[in-house]
Amino acid sequence: MSKQGLVVLDQADADEAAEGCCPGLLTAPLGEARAVELAKVFKALGDPVRLRLLSMIASRAGGEVCVCDLTSAFDLSQPTISHHLKLLRQAGLIDCERRGTWVYYWLLPEMTDTLAEILTRPGRSGPAEAPPETSAEAPVEASS
């Protein structure tokens, strides 16, 4: 307690109070711990190979894909692909399971949902609307 009778929060409590339940990046400042956590995810997504891997996994019919199908899509060695997949797993974006010789990967939608919520502007429930198209035939005002 402080001298004025107010409860003093430690930094973790202050971060949690500032963030509320699931505040968006655009609605409240991030606490230090949350920023560190999210930076790992964004760093994992910041590589074109990892972004493509995530997209391939997420868009796969049936929800999972064999590593053999992922490796063949790139002009990279199997250990390099495995390293990228490991970073995506560590970021909480995907998970995997070994079945015999092969490893199967699937998306963890909780993390992508969290990212979507964090990046959504307040008052927006869905993707941003496209700006209205301007017609090439629109009248142009003549200048004097």
N, C-alpha and C. Protein backbone atom coordinates (compact mmCIF):
# COMPACT_ATOMS: atom_id res chain seq x y z
N MET A 1 0.83 -1.18 0.00
CA MET A 1 0.00 0.00 0.00
C MET A 1 0.87 1.24 0.00
N SER A 2 0.39 2.25 -0.67
CA SER A 2 1.12 3.51 -0.69
C SER A 2 0.70 4.34 0.51
N LYS A 3 1.36 5.49 0.69
CA LYS A 3 1.05 6.35 1.83
C LYS A 3 -0.36 6.92 1.76
N GLN A 4 -0.92 7.06 0.55
CA GLN A 4 -2.27 7.62 0.42
C GLN A 4 -3.34 6.55 0.56
N GLY A 5 -2.98 5.31 0.88
CA GLY A 5 -3.96 4.26 1.05
C GLY A 5 -4.35 3.57 -0.25
N LEU A 6 -3.66 3.86 -1.33
CA LEU A 6 -3.94 3.21 -2.60
C LEU A 6 -3.10 1.95 -2.74
N VAL A 7 -3.65 0.95 -3.38
CA VAL A 7 -2.92 -0.30 -3.62
C VAL A 7 -1.96 -0.08 -4.78
N VAL A 8 -0.72 -0.46 -4.56
CA VAL A 8 0.29 -0.33 -5.61
C VAL A 8 0.40 -1.69 -6.30
N LEU A 9 0.23 -1.71 -7.59
CA LEU A 9 0.31 -2.94 -8.37
C LEU A 9 1.75 -3.22 -8.77
N ASP A 10 2.12 -4.50 -8.79
CA ASP A 10 3.43 -4.82 -9.37
C ASP A 10 3.30 -4.72 -10.88
N GLN A 11 4.41 -4.84 -11.61
CA GLN A 11 4.40 -4.62 -13.05
C GLN A 11 3.51 -5.63 -13.77
N ALA A 12 3.51 -6.90 -13.35
CA ALA A 12 2.66 -7.90 -14.02
C ALA A 12 1.19 -7.55 -13.85
N ASP A 13 0.79 -7.12 -12.63
CA ASP A 13 -0.59 -6.73 -12.42
C ASP A 13 -0.94 -5.49 -13.23
N ALA A 14 -0.02 -4.56 -13.32
CA ALA A 14 -0.26 -3.34 -14.09
C ALA A 14 -0.42 -3.66 -15.57
N ASP A 15 0.43 -4.57 -16.08
CA ASP A 15 0.33 -4.98 -17.48
C ASP A 15 -1.02 -5.62 -17.75
N GLU A 16 -1.45 -6.52 -16.84
CA GLU A 16 -2.72 -7.21 -17.02
C GLU A 16 -3.89 -6.24 -16.94
N ALA A 17 -3.82 -5.31 -16.02
CA ALA A 17 -4.90 -4.33 -15.88
C ALA A 17 -4.98 -3.43 -17.10
N ALA A 18 -3.83 -3.06 -17.63
CA ALA A 18 -3.80 -2.20 -18.81
C ALA A 18 -4.34 -2.92 -20.03
N GLU A 19 -4.10 -4.25 -20.11
CA GLU A 19 -4.51 -5.00 -21.27
C GLU A 19 -5.95 -5.48 -21.20
N GLY A 20 -6.53 -5.59 -20.01
CA GLY A 20 -7.86 -6.12 -19.88
C GLY A 20 -7.88 -7.58 -20.32
N CYS A 21 -9.02 -8.05 -20.76
CA CYS A 21 -9.14 -9.44 -21.18
C CYS A 21 -8.34 -9.70 -22.44
N CYS A 22 -8.74 -9.14 -23.53
CA CYS A 22 -8.07 -9.36 -24.82
C CYS A 22 -8.08 -8.06 -25.61
N PRO A 23 -7.42 -7.03 -25.14
CA PRO A 23 -7.48 -5.75 -25.84
C PRO A 23 -6.71 -5.82 -27.14
N GLY A 24 -7.13 -5.04 -28.09
CA GLY A 24 -6.43 -4.97 -29.35
C GLY A 24 -5.22 -4.05 -29.24
N LEU A 25 -4.30 -4.25 -30.12
CA LEU A 25 -3.10 -3.43 -30.20
C LEU A 25 -3.48 -1.97 -30.41
N LEU A 26 -4.62 -1.75 -31.05
CA LEU A 26 -5.04 -0.41 -31.39
C LEU A 26 -5.98 0.21 -30.35
N THR A 27 -6.26 -0.52 -29.25
CA THR A 27 -7.17 0.00 -28.24
C THR A 27 -6.49 0.35 -26.93
N ALA A 28 -5.35 -0.31 -26.65
CA ALA A 28 -4.65 -0.06 -25.39
C ALA A 28 -3.18 -0.40 -25.57
N PRO A 29 -2.32 0.32 -24.87
CA PRO A 29 -0.89 0.01 -24.97
C PRO A 29 -0.61 -1.41 -24.46
N LEU A 30 0.30 -2.10 -25.12
CA LEU A 30 0.69 -3.43 -24.69
C LEU A 30 1.60 -3.36 -23.48
N GLY A 31 1.43 -4.30 -22.58
CA GLY A 31 2.37 -4.44 -21.48
C GLY A 31 3.64 -5.09 -22.00
N GLU A 32 4.69 -5.01 -21.22
CA GLU A 32 5.99 -5.54 -21.66
C GLU A 32 5.94 -7.04 -21.92
N ALA A 33 5.34 -7.80 -21.02
CA ALA A 33 5.30 -9.26 -21.18
C ALA A 33 4.52 -9.65 -22.44
N ARG A 34 3.39 -9.00 -22.67
CA ARG A 34 2.57 -9.30 -23.85
C ARG A 34 3.29 -8.91 -25.13
N ALA A 35 4.00 -7.80 -25.10
CA ALA A 35 4.76 -7.37 -26.28
C ALA A 35 5.87 -8.36 -26.63
N VAL A 36 6.54 -8.88 -25.61
CA VAL A 36 7.60 -9.87 -25.84
C VAL A 36 6.99 -11.13 -26.45
N GLU A 37 5.86 -11.57 -25.90
CA GLU A 37 5.18 -12.77 -26.40
C GLU A 37 4.75 -12.60 -27.86
N LEU A 38 4.13 -11.48 -28.16
CA LEU A 38 3.65 -11.23 -29.53
C LEU A 38 4.79 -11.02 -30.50
N ALA A 39 5.87 -10.42 -30.05
CA ALA A 39 7.02 -10.19 -30.94
C ALA A 39 7.57 -11.51 -31.47
N LYS A 40 7.56 -12.55 -30.64
CA LYS A 40 8.02 -13.87 -31.09
C LYS A 40 7.15 -14.40 -32.22
N VAL A 41 5.86 -14.18 -32.10
CA VAL A 41 4.94 -14.65 -33.14
C VAL A 41 5.15 -13.86 -34.42
N PHE A 42 5.22 -12.53 -34.30
CA PHE A 42 5.41 -11.71 -35.50
C PHE A 42 6.77 -11.97 -36.14
N LYS A 43 7.78 -12.25 -35.32
CA LYS A 43 9.10 -12.58 -35.87
C LYS A 43 9.02 -13.88 -36.67
N ALA A 44 8.29 -14.85 -36.15
CA ALA A 44 8.12 -16.12 -36.86
C ALA A 44 7.41 -15.89 -38.19
N LEU A 45 6.48 -14.97 -38.23
CA LEU A 45 5.74 -14.68 -39.45
C LEU A 45 6.50 -13.75 -40.39
N GLY A 46 7.60 -13.18 -39.92
CA GLY A 46 8.35 -12.21 -40.70
C GLY A 46 9.27 -12.81 -41.75
N ASP A 47 9.28 -14.11 -41.90
CA ASP A 47 10.12 -14.76 -42.90
C ASP A 47 9.22 -15.31 -44.00
N PRO A 48 9.53 -15.04 -45.27
CA PRO A 48 8.66 -15.50 -46.36
C PRO A 48 8.48 -17.02 -46.41
N VAL A 49 9.51 -17.78 -46.09
CA VAL A 49 9.38 -19.24 -46.11
C VAL A 49 8.41 -19.68 -45.01
N ARG A 50 8.55 -19.13 -43.82
CA ARG A 50 7.66 -19.51 -42.72
C ARG A 50 6.23 -19.06 -43.00
N LEU A 51 6.08 -17.90 -43.59
CA LEU A 51 4.73 -17.42 -43.92
C LEU A 51 4.09 -18.35 -44.95
N ARG A 52 4.84 -18.78 -45.94
CA ARG A 52 4.32 -19.73 -46.93
C ARG A 52 4.00 -21.08 -46.29
N LEU A 53 4.88 -21.56 -45.41
CA LEU A 53 4.62 -22.82 -44.73
C LEU A 53 3.32 -22.74 -43.93
N LEU A 54 3.15 -21.66 -43.18
CA LEU A 54 1.93 -21.49 -42.39
C LEU A 54 0.71 -21.48 -43.30
N SER A 55 0.80 -20.79 -44.41
CA SER A 55 -0.31 -20.72 -45.35
C SER A 55 -0.63 -22.10 -45.93
N MET A 56 0.40 -22.85 -46.27
CA MET A 56 0.20 -24.19 -46.81
C MET A 56 -0.47 -25.11 -45.79
N ILE A 57 -0.06 -24.99 -44.54
CA ILE A 57 -0.63 -25.82 -43.48
C ILE A 57 -2.08 -25.40 -43.21
N ALA A 58 -2.30 -24.10 -43.08
CA ALA A 58 -3.62 -23.59 -42.73
C ALA A 58 -4.66 -23.85 -43.82
N SER A 59 -4.25 -23.83 -45.07
CA SER A 59 -5.20 -23.95 -46.17
C SER A 59 -5.40 -25.39 -46.63
N ARG A 60 -4.73 -26.31 -46.01
CA ARG A 60 -4.81 -27.72 -46.43
C ARG A 60 -6.17 -28.33 -46.09
N ALA A 61 -6.79 -28.95 -47.07
CA ALA A 61 -8.04 -29.66 -46.84
C ALA A 61 -7.79 -30.77 -45.82
N GLY A 62 -8.66 -30.91 -44.87
CA GLY A 62 -8.50 -31.92 -43.83
C GLY A 62 -7.77 -31.38 -42.62
N GLY A 63 -7.18 -30.19 -42.73
CA GLY A 63 -6.59 -29.54 -41.58
C GLY A 63 -5.17 -29.92 -41.21
N GLU A 64 -4.57 -30.88 -41.91
CA GLU A 64 -3.19 -31.23 -41.59
C GLU A 64 -2.44 -31.62 -42.85
N VAL A 65 -1.12 -31.51 -42.77
CA VAL A 65 -0.28 -31.80 -43.92
C VAL A 65 0.97 -32.53 -43.48
N CYS A 66 1.42 -33.45 -44.31
CA CYS A 66 2.64 -34.21 -44.04
C CYS A 66 3.85 -33.35 -44.39
N VAL A 67 4.89 -33.48 -43.61
CA VAL A 67 6.11 -32.73 -43.87
C VAL A 67 6.66 -33.04 -45.27
N CYS A 68 6.42 -34.23 -45.76
CA CYS A 68 6.91 -34.58 -47.10
C CYS A 68 6.30 -33.69 -48.17
N ASP A 69 5.04 -33.28 -47.98
CA ASP A 69 4.38 -32.38 -48.93
C ASP A 69 4.90 -30.96 -48.80
N LEU A 70 5.30 -30.58 -47.62
CA LEU A 70 5.84 -29.23 -47.41
C LEU A 70 7.23 -29.11 -47.99
N THR A 71 8.07 -30.08 -47.74
CA THR A 71 9.47 -30.04 -48.18
C THR A 71 9.56 -29.98 -49.70
N SER A 72 8.72 -30.73 -50.38
CA SER A 72 8.79 -30.79 -51.84
C SER A 72 8.37 -29.48 -52.50
N ALA A 73 7.72 -28.59 -51.79
CA ALA A 73 7.25 -27.33 -52.36
C ALA A 73 8.32 -26.24 -52.37
N PHE A 74 9.48 -26.52 -51.76
CA PHE A 74 10.53 -25.51 -51.64
C PHE A 74 11.84 -26.03 -52.22
N ASP A 75 12.64 -25.11 -52.65
CA ASP A 75 13.99 -25.45 -53.11
C ASP A 75 14.96 -25.27 -51.94
N LEU A 76 14.62 -25.93 -50.82
CA LEU A 76 15.41 -25.85 -49.60
C LEU A 76 15.62 -27.27 -49.08
N SER A 77 16.65 -27.44 -48.27
CA SER A 77 16.92 -28.77 -47.71
C SER A 77 15.88 -29.11 -46.63
N GLN A 78 15.75 -30.40 -46.37
CA GLN A 78 14.82 -30.86 -45.35
C GLN A 78 15.17 -30.29 -43.97
N PRO A 79 16.45 -30.23 -43.57
CA PRO A 79 16.76 -29.63 -42.27
C PRO A 79 16.37 -28.15 -42.18
N THR A 80 16.47 -27.43 -43.28
CA THR A 80 16.08 -26.01 -43.28
C THR A 80 14.58 -25.87 -43.09
N ILE A 81 13.81 -26.69 -43.80
CA ILE A 81 12.36 -26.68 -43.63
C ILE A 81 11.99 -27.06 -42.20
N SER A 82 12.65 -28.07 -41.66
CA SER A 82 12.39 -28.49 -40.27
C SER A 82 12.68 -27.36 -39.29
N HIS A 83 13.73 -26.60 -39.54
CA HIS A 83 14.06 -25.47 -38.67
C HIS A 83 12.94 -24.42 -38.71
N HIS A 84 12.46 -24.10 -39.91
CA HIS A 84 11.37 -23.12 -40.03
C HIS A 84 10.10 -23.62 -39.34
N LEU A 85 9.80 -24.90 -39.49
CA LEU A 85 8.63 -25.48 -38.83
C LEU A 85 8.78 -25.44 -37.31
N LYS A 86 9.98 -25.67 -36.83
CA LYS A 86 10.24 -25.60 -35.39
C LYS A 86 9.96 -24.20 -34.85
N LEU A 87 10.37 -23.17 -35.59
CA LEU A 87 10.13 -21.80 -35.16
C LEU A 87 8.63 -21.47 -35.15
N LEU A 88 7.90 -21.98 -36.12
CA LEU A 88 6.45 -21.78 -36.13
C LEU A 88 5.79 -22.49 -34.95
N ARG A 89 6.30 -23.67 -34.60
CA ARG A 89 5.77 -24.40 -33.43
C ARG A 89 6.08 -23.63 -32.15
N GLN A 90 7.31 -23.15 -32.02
CA GLN A 90 7.69 -22.41 -30.82
C GLN A 90 6.88 -21.13 -30.65
N ALA A 91 6.44 -20.55 -31.76
CA ALA A 91 5.63 -19.34 -31.71
C ALA A 91 4.17 -19.65 -31.39
N GLY A 92 3.80 -20.93 -31.34
CA GLY A 92 2.44 -21.31 -31.02
C GLY A 92 1.48 -21.24 -32.19
N LEU A 93 2.02 -21.22 -33.41
CA LEU A 93 1.17 -21.12 -34.60
C LEU A 93 0.75 -22.48 -35.15
N ILE A 94 1.58 -23.49 -34.97
CA ILE A 94 1.28 -24.83 -35.47
C ILE A 94 1.65 -25.86 -34.41
N ASP A 95 1.19 -27.08 -34.62
CA ASP A 95 1.60 -28.20 -33.80
C ASP A 95 1.80 -29.39 -34.73
N CYS A 96 2.37 -30.48 -34.19
CA CYS A 96 2.67 -31.62 -35.03
C CYS A 96 2.59 -32.92 -34.25
N GLU A 97 2.61 -34.00 -35.03
CA GLU A 97 2.60 -35.33 -34.44
C GLU A 97 3.35 -36.27 -35.40
N ARG A 98 4.24 -37.08 -34.84
CA ARG A 98 4.94 -38.08 -35.64
C ARG A 98 4.06 -39.30 -35.79
N ARG A 99 3.94 -39.77 -37.03
CA ARG A 99 3.20 -40.99 -37.34
C ARG A 99 4.10 -41.86 -38.20
N GLY A 100 4.74 -42.81 -37.57
CA GLY A 100 5.69 -43.66 -38.29
C GLY A 100 6.89 -42.84 -38.72
N THR A 101 7.16 -42.82 -40.00
CA THR A 101 8.31 -42.09 -40.55
C THR A 101 8.04 -40.60 -40.69
N TRP A 102 6.78 -40.22 -40.87
CA TRP A 102 6.44 -38.85 -41.22
C TRP A 102 5.89 -38.05 -40.04
N VAL A 103 6.03 -36.74 -40.16
CA VAL A 103 5.48 -35.82 -39.16
C VAL A 103 4.37 -35.03 -39.86
N TYR A 104 3.23 -34.92 -39.18
CA TYR A 104 2.09 -34.19 -39.71
C TYR A 104 1.90 -32.91 -38.91
N TYR A 105 1.58 -31.81 -39.62
CA TYR A 105 1.44 -30.48 -39.02
C TYR A 105 0.03 -29.97 -39.21
N TRP A 106 -0.43 -29.16 -38.24
CA TRP A 106 -1.72 -28.50 -38.35
C TRP A 106 -1.65 -27.14 -37.68
N LEU A 107 -2.57 -26.27 -38.08
CA LEU A 107 -2.66 -24.92 -37.56
C LEU A 107 -3.26 -24.92 -36.16
N LEU A 108 -2.77 -24.04 -35.30
CA LEU A 108 -3.39 -23.78 -34.01
C LEU A 108 -4.18 -22.48 -34.16
N PRO A 109 -5.48 -22.58 -34.45
CA PRO A 109 -6.26 -21.38 -34.78
C PRO A 109 -6.38 -20.39 -33.63
N GLU A 110 -6.14 -20.83 -32.40
CA GLU A 110 -6.24 -19.90 -31.27
C GLU A 110 -5.25 -18.74 -31.46
N MET A 111 -4.04 -19.05 -31.95
CA MET A 111 -3.03 -18.00 -32.11
C MET A 111 -3.40 -17.06 -33.26
N THR A 112 -3.84 -17.61 -34.38
CA THR A 112 -4.21 -16.73 -35.49
C THR A 112 -5.45 -15.90 -35.13
N ASP A 113 -6.36 -16.49 -34.36
CA ASP A 113 -7.52 -15.72 -33.89
C ASP A 113 -7.07 -14.59 -32.97
N THR A 114 -6.11 -14.88 -32.09
CA THR A 114 -5.57 -13.85 -31.20
C THR A 114 -4.93 -12.72 -31.99
N LEU A 115 -4.15 -13.06 -33.01
CA LEU A 115 -3.52 -12.04 -33.84
C LEU A 115 -4.57 -11.19 -34.55
N ALA A 116 -5.61 -11.85 -35.06
CA ALA A 116 -6.68 -11.11 -35.73
C ALA A 116 -7.36 -10.14 -34.77
N GLU A 117 -7.63 -10.60 -33.54
CA GLU A 117 -8.27 -9.73 -32.54
C GLU A 117 -7.37 -8.56 -32.18
N ILE A 118 -6.09 -8.82 -32.04
CA ILE A 118 -5.16 -7.77 -31.65
C ILE A 118 -5.04 -6.69 -32.73
N LEU A 119 -5.11 -7.10 -33.98
CA LEU A 119 -4.92 -6.17 -35.09
C LEU A 119 -6.21 -5.54 -35.60
N THR A 120 -7.35 -5.95 -35.06
CA THR A 120 -8.63 -5.40 -35.51
C THR A 120 -8.87 -4.05 -34.87
N ARG A 121 -9.24 -3.09 -35.69
CA ARG A 121 -9.55 -1.77 -35.17
C ARG A 121 -10.81 -1.82 -34.32
N PRO A 122 -10.89 -0.96 -33.29
CA PRO A 122 -12.09 -0.94 -32.45
C PRO A 122 -13.34 -0.69 -33.29
N GLY A 123 -14.41 -1.41 -32.96
CA GLY A 123 -15.67 -1.22 -33.68
C GLY A 123 -15.75 -2.01 -34.97
N ARG A 124 -14.72 -2.76 -35.30
CA ARG A 124 -14.71 -3.56 -36.53
C ARG A 124 -14.89 -5.02 -36.15
N SER A 125 -15.84 -5.69 -36.76
CA SER A 125 -16.05 -7.10 -36.43
C SER A 125 -15.47 -8.01 -37.50
N GLY A 126 -15.19 -7.50 -38.66
CA GLY A 126 -14.69 -8.33 -39.74
C GLY A 126 -13.56 -7.66 -40.47
N PRO A 127 -13.20 -8.19 -41.63
CA PRO A 127 -12.12 -7.59 -42.39
C PRO A 127 -12.50 -6.18 -42.84
N ALA A 128 -11.49 -5.37 -43.00
CA ALA A 128 -11.72 -4.00 -43.44
C ALA A 128 -12.37 -4.00 -44.81
N GLU A 129 -13.30 -3.09 -45.01
CA GLU A 129 -13.96 -2.99 -46.30
C GLU A 129 -13.01 -2.33 -47.28
N ALA A 130 -13.13 -2.72 -48.54
CA ALA A 130 -12.31 -2.11 -49.58
C ALA A 130 -12.82 -0.69 -49.79
N PRO A 131 -11.91 0.23 -50.09
CA PRO A 131 -12.35 1.59 -50.35
C PRO A 131 -13.20 1.62 -51.62
N PRO A 132 -14.12 2.57 -51.70
CA PRO A 132 -14.96 2.62 -52.90
C PRO A 132 -14.10 2.84 -54.13
N GLU A 133 -14.50 2.20 -55.21
CA GLU A 133 -13.74 2.33 -56.44
C GLU A 133 -14.07 3.68 -57.07
N THR A 134 -13.06 4.28 -57.67
CA THR A 134 -13.30 5.53 -58.38
C THR A 134 -13.44 5.19 -59.85
N SER A 135 -14.43 5.74 -60.45
CA SER A 135 -14.70 5.46 -61.84
C SER A 135 -13.80 6.32 -62.72
N ALA A 136 -13.29 5.72 -63.79
CA ALA A 136 -12.46 6.47 -64.73
C ALA A 136 -13.31 7.44 -65.51
N GLU A 137 -14.65 7.21 -65.52
CA GLU A 137 -15.54 8.08 -66.28
C GLU A 137 -16.09 9.21 -65.44
N ALA A 138 -15.66 9.34 -64.20
CA ALA A 138 -16.17 10.40 -63.33
C ALA A 138 -15.81 11.75 -63.92
N PRO A 139 -16.72 12.69 -63.85
CA PRO A 139 -16.44 14.03 -64.41
C PRO A 139 -15.31 14.70 -63.65
N VAL A 140 -14.49 15.38 -64.38
CA VAL A 140 -13.37 16.10 -63.80
C VAL A 140 -13.70 17.58 -63.89
N GLU A 141 -13.54 18.27 -62.77
CA GLU A 141 -13.83 19.70 -62.76
C GLU A 141 -12.75 20.43 -63.52
N ALA A 142 -13.18 21.37 -64.33
CA ALA A 142 -12.22 22.16 -65.09
C ALA A 142 -11.64 23.23 -64.19
N SER A 143 -10.37 23.46 -64.32
CA SER A 143 -9.74 24.52 -63.53
C SER A 143 -9.82 25.82 -64.28
N SER A 144 -9.95 26.92 -63.57
CA SER A 144 -10.07 28.20 -64.24
C SER A 144 -8.73 28.83 -64.46
